[in-house]
Amino acid sequence: MSQLALAIFCLGLALILAAAFVVAAPLFQPRPEGPSPLPPAEREALERRKRQALAAIREAELDHRMGKLSDDDLQTMRTRFENQALEAMAALEKEGR
Protein backbone atom coordinates (compact mmCIF):
# COMPACT_ATOMS: atom_id res chain seq x y z
CA MET A 1 0.00 0.00 0.00
CA SER A 2 1.49 3.34 -0.95
CA GLN A 3 1.83 6.26 1.41
CA LEU A 4 -0.85 8.20 -0.47
CA ALA A 5 -3.35 5.34 -0.14
CA LEU A 6 -2.50 4.99 3.56
CA ALA A 7 -2.98 8.74 4.11
CA ILE A 8 -6.36 8.69 2.35
CA PHE A 9 -7.38 5.64 4.37
CA CYS A 10 -6.42 7.34 7.66
CA LEU A 11 -8.15 10.56 6.66
CA GLY A 12 -11.33 8.64 5.77
CA LEU A 13 -11.19 6.71 9.03
CA ALA A 14 -10.76 9.94 11.00
CA LEU A 15 -13.71 11.47 9.17
CA ILE A 16 -15.91 8.44 9.92
CA LEU A 17 -14.93 8.50 13.60
CA ALA A 18 -15.61 12.23 13.86
CA ALA A 19 -19.06 11.80 12.28
CA ALA A 20 -19.83 8.88 14.61
CA PHE A 21 -18.81 10.97 17.61
CA VAL A 22 -21.02 13.90 16.56
CA VAL A 23 -23.99 11.59 16.03
CA ALA A 24 -23.52 9.60 19.24
CA ALA A 25 -22.59 12.48 21.59
CA PRO A 26 -26.19 13.37 22.56
CA LEU A 27 -26.76 9.78 23.69
CA PHE A 28 -24.16 10.17 26.42
CA GLN A 29 -25.31 13.51 27.80
CA PRO A 30 -27.58 13.63 30.87
CA ARG A 31 -31.26 13.94 30.13
CA PRO A 32 -32.81 17.34 30.77
CA GLU A 33 -35.36 17.44 33.55
CA GLY A 34 -38.88 17.29 32.18
CA PRO A 35 -42.01 18.36 33.94
CA SER A 36 -42.44 16.70 37.28
CA PRO A 37 -45.01 13.92 37.20
CA LEU A 38 -48.35 14.55 38.80
CA PRO A 39 -49.04 12.97 42.15
CA PRO A 40 -51.27 9.88 41.79
CA ALA A 41 -54.19 11.58 43.51
CA GLU A 42 -54.10 14.54 41.13
CA ARG A 43 -53.77 12.25 38.10
CA GLU A 44 -56.81 10.28 39.27
CA ALA A 45 -58.76 13.50 39.75
CA LEU A 46 -57.97 14.55 36.17
CA GLU A 47 -58.91 11.11 34.83
CA ARG A 48 -62.16 11.24 36.79
CA ARG A 49 -62.96 14.74 35.52
CA LYS A 50 -62.36 13.60 31.94
CA ARG A 51 -64.55 10.50 32.36
CA GLN A 52 -67.34 12.49 33.99
CA ALA A 53 -67.30 15.15 31.27
CA LEU A 54 -67.44 12.54 28.51
CA ALA A 55 -70.27 10.73 30.29
CA ALA A 56 -72.14 14.02 30.67
CA ILE A 57 -71.83 14.61 26.92
CA ARG A 58 -73.29 11.17 26.20
CA GLU A 59 -76.11 11.75 28.66
CA ALA A 60 -76.93 15.18 27.20
CA GLU A 61 -77.04 13.68 23.71
CA LEU A 62 -79.41 10.97 24.95
CA ASP A 63 -81.62 13.58 26.61
CA HIS A 64 -81.66 15.54 23.35
CA ARG A 65 -82.75 12.48 21.38
CA MET A 66 -85.50 11.85 23.92
CA GLY A 67 -86.70 15.44 23.52
CA LYS A 68 -85.70 16.61 27.00
CA LEU A 69 -83.13 19.14 25.69
CA SER A 70 -83.42 21.70 22.91
CA ASP A 71 -80.75 22.09 20.27
CA ASP A 72 -79.43 25.24 21.96
CA ASP A 73 -79.29 23.57 25.37
CA LEU A 74 -77.45 20.59 23.91
CA GLN A 75 -74.91 22.83 22.19
CA THR A 76 -74.33 24.83 25.38
CA MET A 77 -73.89 21.74 27.53
CA ARG A 78 -71.77 19.96 24.95
CA THR A 79 -69.41 22.94 24.65
CA ARG A 80 -69.02 23.22 28.42
CA PHE A 81 -68.36 19.50 28.94
CA GLU A 82 -66.03 19.28 25.94
CA ASN A 83 -63.97 22.12 27.38
CA GLN A 84 -63.78 20.34 30.74
CA ALA A 85 -62.66 17.10 29.10
CA LEU A 86 -60.11 18.89 26.92
CA GLU A 87 -58.63 20.72 29.91
CA ALA A 88 -58.23 17.45 31.80
CA MET A 89 -56.71 15.71 28.77
CA ALA A 90 -54.30 18.61 28.20
CA ALA A 91 -53.13 18.42 31.81
CA LEU A 92 -52.62 14.67 31.51
CA GLU A 93 -50.77 15.07 28.22
CA LYS A 94 -48.54 17.77 29.69
CA GLU A 95 -47.49 15.23 32.29
CA GLY A 96 -46.49 12.92 29.45
CA ARG A 97 -49.07 10.24 30.09
PDB file of N, CA and C in Angstrom:
ATOM      1  N   MET A   1       0.850  -1.160   0.000  1.00  0.00           N
ATOM      2  CA  MET A   1       0.000   0.000   0.000  1.00  0.00           C
ATOM      3  C   MET A   1       0.905   1.236   0.000  1.00  0.00           C
ATOM      4  N   SER A   2       0.642   2.152  -0.853  1.00  0.00           N
ATOM      5  CA  SER A   2       1.491   3.341  -0.953  1.00  0.00           C
ATOM      6  C   SER A   2       1.166   4.315   0.176  1.00  0.00           C
ATOM      7  N   GLN A   3       2.038   5.263   0.353  1.00  0.00           N
ATOM      8  CA  GLN A   3       1.834   6.259   1.409  1.00  0.00           C
ATOM      9  C   GLN A   3       0.597   7.112   1.134  1.00  0.00           C
ATOM     10  N   LEU A   4       0.324   7.405  -0.129  1.00  0.00           N
ATOM     11  CA  LEU A   4      -0.850   8.201  -0.468  1.00  0.00           C
ATOM     12  C   LEU A   4      -2.130   7.435  -0.121  1.00  0.00           C
ATOM     13  N   ALA A   5      -2.182   6.162  -0.456  1.00  0.00           N
ATOM     14  CA  ALA A   5      -3.353   5.344  -0.142  1.00  0.00           C
ATOM     15  C   ALA A   5      -3.535   5.232   1.365  1.00  0.00           C
ATOM     16  N   LEU A   6      -2.442   5.085   2.100  1.00  0.00           N
ATOM     17  CA  LEU A   6      -2.504   4.994   3.560  1.00  0.00           C
ATOM     18  C   LEU A   6      -3.003   6.314   4.157  1.00  0.00           C
ATOM     19  N   ALA A   7      -2.549   7.428   3.614  1.00  0.00           N
ATOM     20  CA  ALA A   7      -2.976   8.740   4.112  1.00  0.00           C
ATOM     21  C   ALA A   7      -4.468   8.943   3.845  1.00  0.00           C
ATOM     22  N   ILE A   8      -4.937   8.567   2.672  1.00  0.00           N
ATOM     23  CA  ILE A   8      -6.364   8.693   2.345  1.00  0.00           C
ATOM     24  C   ILE A   8      -7.200   7.796   3.244  1.00  0.00           C
ATOM     25  N   PHE A   9      -6.683   6.568   3.480  1.00  0.00           N
ATOM     26  CA  PHE A   9      -7.385   5.641   4.367  1.00  0.00           C
ATOM     27  C   PHE A   9      -7.488   6.219   5.776  1.00  0.00           C
ATOM     28  N   CYS A  10      -6.406   6.766   6.308  1.00  0.00           N
ATOM     29  CA  CYS A  10      -6.416   7.344   7.659  1.00  0.00           C
ATOM     30  C   CYS A  10      -7.320   8.568   7.738  1.00  0.00           C
ATOM     31  N   LEU A  11      -7.283   9.388   6.699  1.00  0.00           N
ATOM     32  CA  LEU A  11      -8.149  10.555   6.660  1.00  0.00           C
ATOM     33  C   LEU A  11      -9.622  10.140   6.630  1.00  0.00           C
ATOM     34  N   GLY A  12      -9.959   9.147   5.834  1.00  0.00           N
ATOM     35  CA  GLY A  12     -11.331   8.636   5.770  1.00  0.00           C
ATOM     36  C   GLY A  12     -11.768   8.048   7.095  1.00  0.00           C
ATOM     37  N   LEU A  13     -10.889   7.302   7.729  1.00  0.00           N
ATOM     38  CA  LEU A  13     -11.193   6.710   9.033  1.00  0.00           C
ATOM     39  C   LEU A  13     -11.433   7.793  10.077  1.00  0.00           C
ATOM     40  N   ALA A  14     -10.592   8.834  10.049  1.00  0.00           N
ATOM     41  CA  ALA A  14     -10.760   9.942  11.001  1.00  0.00           C
ATOM     42  C   ALA A  14     -12.090  10.654  10.756  1.00  0.00           C
ATOM     43  N   LEU A  15     -12.446  10.822   9.497  1.00  0.00           N
ATOM     44  CA  LEU A  15     -13.715  11.470   9.165  1.00  0.00           C
ATOM     45  C   LEU A  15     -14.903  10.642   9.648  1.00  0.00           C
ATOM     46  N   ILE A  16     -14.836   9.333   9.463  1.00  0.00           N
ATOM     47  CA  ILE A  16     -15.908   8.443   9.920  1.00  0.00           C
ATOM     48  C   ILE A  16     -16.029   8.474  11.445  1.00  0.00           C
ATOM     49  N   LEU A  17     -14.899   8.445  12.140  1.00  0.00           N
ATOM     50  CA  LEU A  17     -14.928   8.496  13.605  1.00  0.00           C
ATOM     51  C   LEU A  17     -15.473   9.827  14.111  1.00  0.00           C
ATOM     52  N   ALA A  18     -15.107  10.913  13.449  1.00  0.00           N
ATOM     53  CA  ALA A  18     -15.615  12.225  13.856  1.00  0.00           C
ATOM     54  C   ALA A  18     -17.130  12.295  13.658  1.00  0.00           C
ATOM     55  N   ALA A  19     -17.619  11.787  12.536  1.00  0.00           N
ATOM     56  CA  ALA A  19     -19.064  11.798  12.282  1.00  0.00           C
ATOM     57  C   ALA A  19     -19.786  10.921  13.301  1.00  0.00           C
ATOM     58  N   ALA A  20     -19.222   9.776  13.620  1.00  0.00           N
ATOM     59  CA  ALA A  20     -19.835   8.880  14.606  1.00  0.00           C
ATOM     60  C   ALA A  20     -19.886   9.550  15.975  1.00  0.00           C
ATOM     61  N   PHE A  21     -18.827  10.274  16.328  1.00  0.00           N
ATOM     62  CA  PHE A  21     -18.814  10.970  17.614  1.00  0.00           C
ATOM     63  C   PHE A  21     -19.888  12.052  17.660  1.00  0.00           C
ATOM     64  N   VAL A  22     -20.017  12.831  16.596  1.00  0.00           N
ATOM     65  CA  VAL A  22     -21.016  13.901  16.558  1.00  0.00           C
ATOM     66  C   VAL A  22     -22.425  13.325  16.667  1.00  0.00           C
ATOM     67  N   VAL A  23     -22.664  12.202  15.999  1.00  0.00           N
ATOM     68  CA  VAL A  23     -23.992  11.593  16.029  1.00  0.00           C
ATOM     69  C   VAL A  23     -24.281  10.973  17.391  1.00  0.00           C
ATOM     70  N   ALA A  24     -23.306  10.337  17.995  1.00  0.00           N
ATOM     71  CA  ALA A  24     -23.520   9.599  19.241  1.00  0.00           C
ATOM     72  C   ALA A  24     -23.399  10.467  20.488  1.00  0.00           C
ATOM     73  N   ALA A  25     -22.818  11.645  20.407  1.00  0.00           N
ATOM     74  CA  ALA A  25     -22.589  12.478  21.595  1.00  0.00           C
ATOM     75  C   ALA A  25     -23.858  12.762  22.386  1.00  0.00           C
ATOM     76  N   PRO A  26     -24.989  13.091  21.758  1.00  0.00           N
ATOM     77  CA  PRO A  26     -26.190  13.365  22.562  1.00  0.00           C
ATOM     78  C   PRO A  26     -26.677  12.161  23.375  1.00  0.00           C
ATOM     79  N   LEU A  27     -26.329  10.968  22.951  1.00  0.00           N
ATOM     80  CA  LEU A  27     -26.760   9.779  23.687  1.00  0.00           C
ATOM     81  C   LEU A  27     -26.077   9.661  25.036  1.00  0.00           C
ATOM     82  N   PHE A  28     -24.927  10.297  25.185  1.00  0.00           N
ATOM     83  CA  PHE A  28     -24.158  10.172  26.424  1.00  0.00           C
ATOM     84  C   PHE A  28     -24.281  11.382  27.335  1.00  0.00           C
ATOM     85  N   GLN A  29     -25.089  12.345  26.961  1.00  0.00           N
ATOM     86  CA  GLN A  29     -25.307  13.514  27.800  1.00  0.00           C
ATOM     87  C   GLN A  29     -26.473  13.245  28.743  1.00  0.00           C
ATOM     88  N   PRO A  30     -26.457  13.852  29.935  1.00  0.00           N
ATOM     89  CA  PRO A  30     -27.576  13.634  30.868  1.00  0.00           C
ATOM     90  C   PRO A  30     -28.867  14.189  30.290  1.00  0.00           C
ATOM     91  N   ARG A  31     -29.947  13.517  30.613  1.00  0.00           N
ATOM     92  CA  ARG A  31     -31.255  13.940  30.130  1.00  0.00           C
ATOM     93  C   ARG A  31     -31.685  15.214  30.843  1.00  0.00           C
ATOM     94  N   PRO A  32     -32.285  16.153  30.103  1.00  0.00           N
ATOM     95  CA  PRO A  32     -32.810  17.341  30.775  1.00  0.00           C
ATOM     96  C   PRO A  32     -34.034  16.965  31.605  1.00  0.00           C
ATOM     97  N   GLU A  33     -34.211  17.691  32.676  1.00  0.00           N
ATOM     98  CA  GLU A  33     -35.360  17.441  33.547  1.00  0.00           C
ATOM     99  C   GLU A  33     -36.635  17.870  32.843  1.00  0.00           C
ATOM    100  N   GLY A  34     -37.577  16.974  32.771  1.00  0.00           N
ATOM    101  CA  GLY A  34     -38.876  17.286  32.183  1.00  0.00           C
ATOM    102  C   GLY A  34     -39.809  17.767  33.267  1.00  0.00           C
ATOM    103  N   PRO A  35     -41.055  17.950  32.919  1.00  0.00           N
ATOM    104  CA  PRO A  35     -42.009  18.362  33.936  1.00  0.00           C
ATOM    105  C   PRO A  35     -42.150  17.267  34.987  1.00  0.00           C
ATOM    106  N   SER A  36     -42.301  17.692  36.217  1.00  0.00           N
ATOM    107  CA  SER A  36     -42.436  16.702  37.278  1.00  0.00           C
ATOM    108  C   SER A  36     -43.769  15.974  37.126  1.00  0.00           C
ATOM    109  N   PRO A  37     -43.757  14.672  37.357  1.00  0.00           N
ATOM    110  CA  PRO A  37     -45.010  13.924  37.204  1.00  0.00           C
ATOM    111  C   PRO A  37     -46.036  14.339  38.261  1.00  0.00           C
ATOM    112  N   LEU A  38     -47.268  14.210  37.869  1.00  0.00           N
ATOM    113  CA  LEU A  38     -48.346  14.554  38.799  1.00  0.00           C
ATOM    114  C   LEU A  38     -48.429  13.519  39.907  1.00  0.00           C
ATOM    115  N   PRO A  39     -48.805  13.946  41.087  1.00  0.00           N
ATOM    116  CA  PRO A  39     -49.044  12.966  42.150  1.00  0.00           C
ATOM    117  C   PRO A  39     -50.210  12.058  41.735  1.00  0.00           C
ATOM    118  N   PRO A  40     -50.199  10.814  42.182  1.00  0.00           N
ATOM    119  CA  PRO A  40     -51.266   9.880  41.791  1.00  0.00           C
ATOM    120  C   PRO A  40     -52.671  10.391  42.082  1.00  0.00           C
ATOM    121  N   ALA A  41     -52.857  11.081  43.175  1.00  0.00           N
ATOM    122  CA  ALA A  41     -54.192  11.580  43.513  1.00  0.00           C
ATOM    123  C   ALA A  41     -54.648  12.633  42.506  1.00  0.00           C
ATOM    124  N   GLU A  42     -53.732  13.506  42.095  1.00  0.00           N
ATOM    125  CA  GLU A  42     -54.098  14.541  41.126  1.00  0.00           C
ATOM    126  C   GLU A  42     -54.355  13.934  39.750  1.00  0.00           C
ATOM    127  N   ARG A  43     -53.555  12.934  39.377  1.00  0.00           N
ATOM    128  CA  ARG A  43     -53.766  12.254  38.099  1.00  0.00           C
ATOM    129  C   ARG A  43     -55.135  11.579  38.076  1.00  0.00           C
ATOM    130  N   GLU A  44     -55.491  10.922  39.177  1.00  0.00           N
ATOM    131  CA  GLU A  44     -56.809  10.277  39.266  1.00  0.00           C
ATOM    132  C   GLU A  44     -57.929  11.301  39.179  1.00  0.00           C
ATOM    133  N   ALA A  45     -57.737  12.459  39.810  1.00  0.00           N
ATOM    134  CA  ALA A  45     -58.764  13.500  39.752  1.00  0.00           C
ATOM    135  C   ALA A  45     -58.952  13.980  38.314  1.00  0.00           C
ATOM    136  N   LEU A  46     -57.856  14.136  37.573  1.00  0.00           N
ATOM    137  CA  LEU A  46     -57.968  14.553  36.173  1.00  0.00           C
ATOM    138  C   LEU A  46     -58.639  13.473  35.326  1.00  0.00           C
ATOM    139  N   GLU A  47     -58.273  12.216  35.558  1.00  0.00           N
ATOM    140  CA  GLU A  47     -58.905  11.113  34.830  1.00  0.00           C
ATOM    141  C   GLU A  47     -60.409  11.068  35.122  1.00  0.00           C
ATOM    142  N   ARG A  48     -60.750  11.262  36.392  1.00  0.00           N
ATOM    143  CA  ARG A  48     -62.156  11.238  36.791  1.00  0.00           C
ATOM    144  C   ARG A  48     -62.917  12.395  36.143  1.00  0.00           C
ATOM    145  N   ARG A  49     -62.308  13.585  36.132  1.00  0.00           N
ATOM    146  CA  ARG A  49     -62.960  14.742  35.519  1.00  0.00           C
ATOM    147  C   ARG A  49     -63.189  14.506  34.020  1.00  0.00           C
ATOM    148  N   LYS A  50     -62.214  13.899  33.367  1.00  0.00           N
ATOM    149  CA  LYS A  50     -62.358  13.598  31.939  1.00  0.00           C
ATOM    150  C   LYS A  50     -63.484  12.592  31.716  1.00  0.00           C
ATOM    151  N   ARG A  51     -63.493  11.507  32.509  1.00  0.00           N
ATOM    152  CA  ARG A  51     -64.552  10.498  32.361  1.00  0.00           C
ATOM    153  C   ARG A  51     -65.931  11.080  32.621  1.00  0.00           C
ATOM    154  N   GLN A  52     -66.047  11.902  33.653  1.00  0.00           N
ATOM    155  CA  GLN A  52     -67.336  12.491  33.990  1.00  0.00           C
ATOM    156  C   GLN A  52     -67.811  13.440  32.894  1.00  0.00           C
ATOM    157  N   ALA A  53     -66.908  14.220  32.333  1.00  0.00           N
ATOM    158  CA  ALA A  53     -67.296  15.154  31.272  1.00  0.00           C
ATOM    159  C   ALA A  53     -67.757  14.394  30.030  1.00  0.00           C
ATOM    160  N   LEU A  54     -67.038  13.333  29.678  1.00  0.00           N
ATOM    161  CA  LEU A  54     -67.439  12.544  28.508  1.00  0.00           C
ATOM    162  C   LEU A  54     -68.781  11.838  28.754  1.00  0.00           C
ATOM    163  N   ALA A  55     -68.984  11.353  29.964  1.00  0.00           N
ATOM    164  CA  ALA A  55     -70.267  10.725  30.289  1.00  0.00           C
ATOM    165  C   ALA A  55     -71.395  11.753  30.255  1.00  0.00           C
ATOM    166  N   ALA A  56     -71.121  12.965  30.699  1.00  0.00           N
ATOM    167  CA  ALA A  56     -72.140  14.015  30.669  1.00  0.00           C
ATOM    168  C   ALA A  56     -72.510  14.377  29.233  1.00  0.00           C
ATOM    169  N   ILE A  57     -71.537  14.350  28.333  1.00  0.00           N
ATOM    170  CA  ILE A  57     -71.833  14.613  26.918  1.00  0.00           C
ATOM    171  C   ILE A  57     -72.755  13.528  26.373  1.00  0.00           C
ATOM    172  N   ARG A  58     -72.436  12.278  26.673  1.00  0.00           N
ATOM    173  CA  ARG A  58     -73.286  11.173  26.195  1.00  0.00           C
ATOM    174  C   ARG A  58     -74.697  11.282  26.767  1.00  0.00           C
ATOM    175  N   GLU A  59     -74.792  11.633  28.031  1.00  0.00           N
ATOM    176  CA  GLU A  59     -76.106  11.751  28.665  1.00  0.00           C
ATOM    177  C   GLU A  59     -76.907  12.917  28.068  1.00  0.00           C
ATOM    178  N   ALA A  60     -76.239  14.032  27.801  1.00  0.00           N
ATOM    179  CA  ALA A  60     -76.926  15.177  27.196  1.00  0.00           C
ATOM    180  C   ALA A  60     -77.417  14.831  25.795  1.00  0.00           C
ATOM    181  N   GLU A  61     -76.604  14.089  25.045  1.00  0.00           N
ATOM    182  CA  GLU A  61     -77.043  13.677  23.707  1.00  0.00           C
ATOM    183  C   GLU A  61     -78.249  12.744  23.779  1.00  0.00           C
ATOM    184  N   LEU A  62     -78.263  11.863  24.767  1.00  0.00           N
ATOM    185  CA  LEU A  62     -79.411  10.973  24.948  1.00  0.00           C
ATOM    186  C   LEU A  62     -80.657  11.783  25.318  1.00  0.00           C
ATOM    187  N   ASP A  63     -80.486  12.729  26.223  1.00  0.00           N
ATOM    188  CA  ASP A  63     -81.616  13.580  26.606  1.00  0.00           C
ATOM    189  C   ASP A  63     -82.132  14.369  25.404  1.00  0.00           C
ATOM    190  N   HIS A  64     -81.251  14.806  24.550  1.00  0.00           N
ATOM    191  CA  HIS A  64     -81.661  15.541  23.349  1.00  0.00           C
ATOM    192  C   HIS A  64     -82.466  14.642  22.422  1.00  0.00           C
ATOM    193  N   ARG A  65     -82.003  13.407  22.245  1.00  0.00           N
ATOM    194  CA  ARG A  65     -82.746  12.477  21.379  1.00  0.00           C
ATOM    195  C   ARG A  65     -84.115  12.141  21.953  1.00  0.00           C
ATOM    196  N   MET A  66     -84.220  12.155  23.277  1.00  0.00           N
ATOM    197  CA  MET A  66     -85.504  11.849  23.917  1.00  0.00           C
ATOM    198  C   MET A  66     -86.409  13.071  23.965  1.00  0.00           C
ATOM    199  N   GLY A  67     -85.889  14.230  23.546  1.00  0.00           N
ATOM    200  CA  GLY A  67     -86.701  15.439  23.524  1.00  0.00           C
ATOM    201  C   GLY A  67     -86.656  16.245  24.805  1.00  0.00           C
ATOM    202  N   LYS A  68     -85.781  15.899  25.734  1.00  0.00           N
ATOM    203  CA  LYS A  68     -85.700  16.615  27.001  1.00  0.00           C
ATOM    204  C   LYS A  68     -84.862  17.889  26.896  1.00  0.00           C
ATOM    205  N   LEU A  69     -83.987  17.964  25.867  1.00  0.00           N
ATOM    206  CA  LEU A  69     -83.134  19.138  25.686  1.00  0.00           C
ATOM    207  C   LEU A  69     -83.346  19.719  24.298  1.00  0.00           C
ATOM    208  N   SER A  70     -83.333  21.047  24.219  1.00  0.00           N
ATOM    209  CA  SER A  70     -83.423  21.701  22.910  1.00  0.00           C
ATOM    210  C   SER A  70     -82.048  21.671  22.242  1.00  0.00           C
ATOM    211  N   ASP A  71     -82.021  22.044  20.995  1.00  0.00           N
ATOM    212  CA  ASP A  71     -80.750  22.087  20.266  1.00  0.00           C
ATOM    213  C   ASP A  71     -79.775  23.071  20.913  1.00  0.00           C
ATOM    214  N   ASP A  72     -80.291  24.226  21.321  1.00  0.00           N
ATOM    215  CA  ASP A  72     -79.434  25.236  21.955  1.00  0.00           C
ATOM    216  C   ASP A  72     -78.878  24.739  23.287  1.00  0.00           C
ATOM    217  N   ASP A  73     -79.744  24.101  24.081  1.00  0.00           N
ATOM    218  CA  ASP A  73     -79.287  23.567  25.368  1.00  0.00           C
ATOM    219  C   ASP A  73     -78.220  22.498  25.162  1.00  0.00           C
ATOM    220  N   LEU A  74     -78.434  21.632  24.190  1.00  0.00           N
ATOM    221  CA  LEU A  74     -77.447  20.587  23.912  1.00  0.00           C
ATOM    222  C   LEU A  74     -76.118  21.210  23.516  1.00  0.00           C
ATOM    223  N   GLN A  75     -76.148  22.202  22.642  1.00  0.00           N
ATOM    224  CA  GLN A  75     -74.908  22.828  22.195  1.00  0.00           C
ATOM    225  C   GLN A  75     -74.173  23.495  23.351  1.00  0.00           C
ATOM    226  N   THR A  76     -74.926  24.172  24.219  1.00  0.00           N
ATOM    227  CA  THR A  76     -74.325  24.835  25.379  1.00  0.00           C
ATOM    228  C   THR A  76     -73.676  23.815  26.310  1.00  0.00           C
ATOM    229  N   MET A  77     -74.414  22.758  26.632  1.00  0.00           N
ATOM    230  CA  MET A  77     -73.890  21.738  27.535  1.00  0.00           C
ATOM    231  C   MET A  77     -72.711  21.004  26.909  1.00  0.00           C
ATOM    232  N   ARG A  78     -72.836  20.679  25.629  1.00  0.00           N
ATOM    233  CA  ARG A  78     -71.772  19.955  24.945  1.00  0.00           C
ATOM    234  C   ARG A  78     -70.474  20.773  24.943  1.00  0.00           C
ATOM    235  N   THR A  79     -70.587  22.069  24.660  1.00  0.00           N
ATOM    236  CA  THR A  79     -69.408  22.938  24.649  1.00  0.00           C
ATOM    237  C   THR A  79     -68.754  22.987  26.025  1.00  0.00           C
ATOM    238  N   ARG A  80     -69.562  23.143  27.057  1.00  0.00           N
ATOM    239  CA  ARG A  80     -69.018  23.217  28.418  1.00  0.00           C
ATOM    240  C   ARG A  80     -68.315  21.918  28.803  1.00  0.00           C
ATOM    241  N   PHE A  81     -68.954  20.779  28.554  1.00  0.00           N
ATOM    242  CA  PHE A  81     -68.361  19.500  28.939  1.00  0.00           C
ATOM    243  C   PHE A  81     -67.159  19.138  28.071  1.00  0.00           C
ATOM    244  N   GLU A  82     -67.194  19.519  26.795  1.00  0.00           N
ATOM    245  CA  GLU A  82     -66.029  19.278  25.939  1.00  0.00           C
ATOM    246  C   GLU A  82     -64.825  20.065  26.446  1.00  0.00           C
ATOM    247  N   ASN A  83     -65.066  21.315  26.854  1.00  0.00           N
ATOM    248  CA  ASN A  83     -63.966  22.124  27.385  1.00  0.00           C
ATOM    249  C   ASN A  83     -63.389  21.510  28.659  1.00  0.00           C
ATOM    250  N   GLN A  84     -64.258  20.990  29.520  1.00  0.00           N
ATOM    251  CA  GLN A  84     -63.777  20.345  30.743  1.00  0.00           C
ATOM    252  C   GLN A  84     -62.934  19.119  30.412  1.00  0.00           C
ATOM    253  N   ALA A  85     -63.408  18.308  29.479  1.00  0.00           N
ATOM    254  CA  ALA A  85     -62.664  17.100  29.103  1.00  0.00           C
ATOM    255  C   ALA A  85     -61.335  17.467  28.453  1.00  0.00           C
ATOM    256  N   LEU A  86     -61.345  18.481  27.593  1.00  0.00           N
ATOM    257  CA  LEU A  86     -60.110  18.888  26.923  1.00  0.00           C
ATOM    258  C   LEU A  86     -59.088  19.453  27.900  1.00  0.00           C
ATOM    259  N   GLU A  87     -59.547  20.194  28.895  1.00  0.00           N
ATOM    260  CA  GLU A  87     -58.628  20.717  29.907  1.00  0.00           C
ATOM    261  C   GLU A  87     -57.973  19.577  30.686  1.00  0.00           C
ATOM    262  N   ALA A  88     -58.769  18.599  31.062  1.00  0.00           N
ATOM    263  CA  ALA A  88     -58.229  17.452  31.796  1.00  0.00           C
ATOM    264  C   ALA A  88     -57.252  16.669  30.921  1.00  0.00           C
ATOM    265  N   MET A  89     -57.608  16.451  29.663  1.00  0.00           N
ATOM    266  CA  MET A  89     -56.715  15.711  28.769  1.00  0.00           C
ATOM    267  C   MET A  89     -55.420  16.486  28.511  1.00  0.00           C
ATOM    268  N   ALA A  90     -55.507  17.810  28.410  1.00  0.00           N
ATOM    269  CA  ALA A  90     -54.301  18.608  28.198  1.00  0.00           C
ATOM    270  C   ALA A  90     -53.375  18.524  29.403  1.00  0.00           C
ATOM    271  N   ALA A  91     -53.941  18.542  30.600  1.00  0.00           N
ATOM    272  CA  ALA A  91     -53.127  18.423  31.807  1.00  0.00           C
ATOM    273  C   ALA A  91     -52.465  17.048  31.885  1.00  0.00           C
ATOM    274  N   LEU A  92     -53.198  16.012  31.500  1.00  0.00           N
ATOM    275  CA  LEU A  92     -52.622  14.672  31.508  1.00  0.00           C
ATOM    276  C   LEU A  92     -51.545  14.536  30.438  1.00  0.00           C
ATOM    277  N   GLU A  93     -51.754  15.146  29.296  1.00  0.00           N
ATOM    278  CA  GLU A  93     -50.772  15.066  28.216  1.00  0.00           C
ATOM    279  C   GLU A  93     -49.521  15.855  28.579  1.00  0.00           C
ATOM    280  N   LYS A  94     -49.689  16.978  29.265  1.00  0.00           N
ATOM    281  CA  LYS A  94     -48.544  17.773  29.686  1.00  0.00           C
ATOM    282  C   LYS A  94     -47.636  16.960  30.604  1.00  0.00           C
ATOM    283  N   GLU A  95     -48.249  16.095  31.384  1.00  0.00           N
ATOM    284  CA  GLU A  95     -47.490  15.231  32.288  1.00  0.00           C
ATOM    285  C   GLU A  95     -46.712  14.199  31.484  1.00  0.00           C
ATOM    286  N   GLY A  96     -47.179  13.922  30.255  1.00  0.00           N
ATOM    287  CA  GLY A  96     -46.494  12.921  29.453  1.00  0.00           C
ATOM    288  C   GLY A  96     -47.131  11.565  29.550  1.00  0.00           C
ATOM    289  N   ARG A  97     -48.358  11.509  29.953  1.00  0.00           N
ATOM    290  CA  ARG A  97     -49.068  10.241  30.094  1.00  0.00           C
ATOM    291  C   ARG A  97     -49.657   9.819  28.789  1.00  0.00           C
TER     292      ARG A  97
END
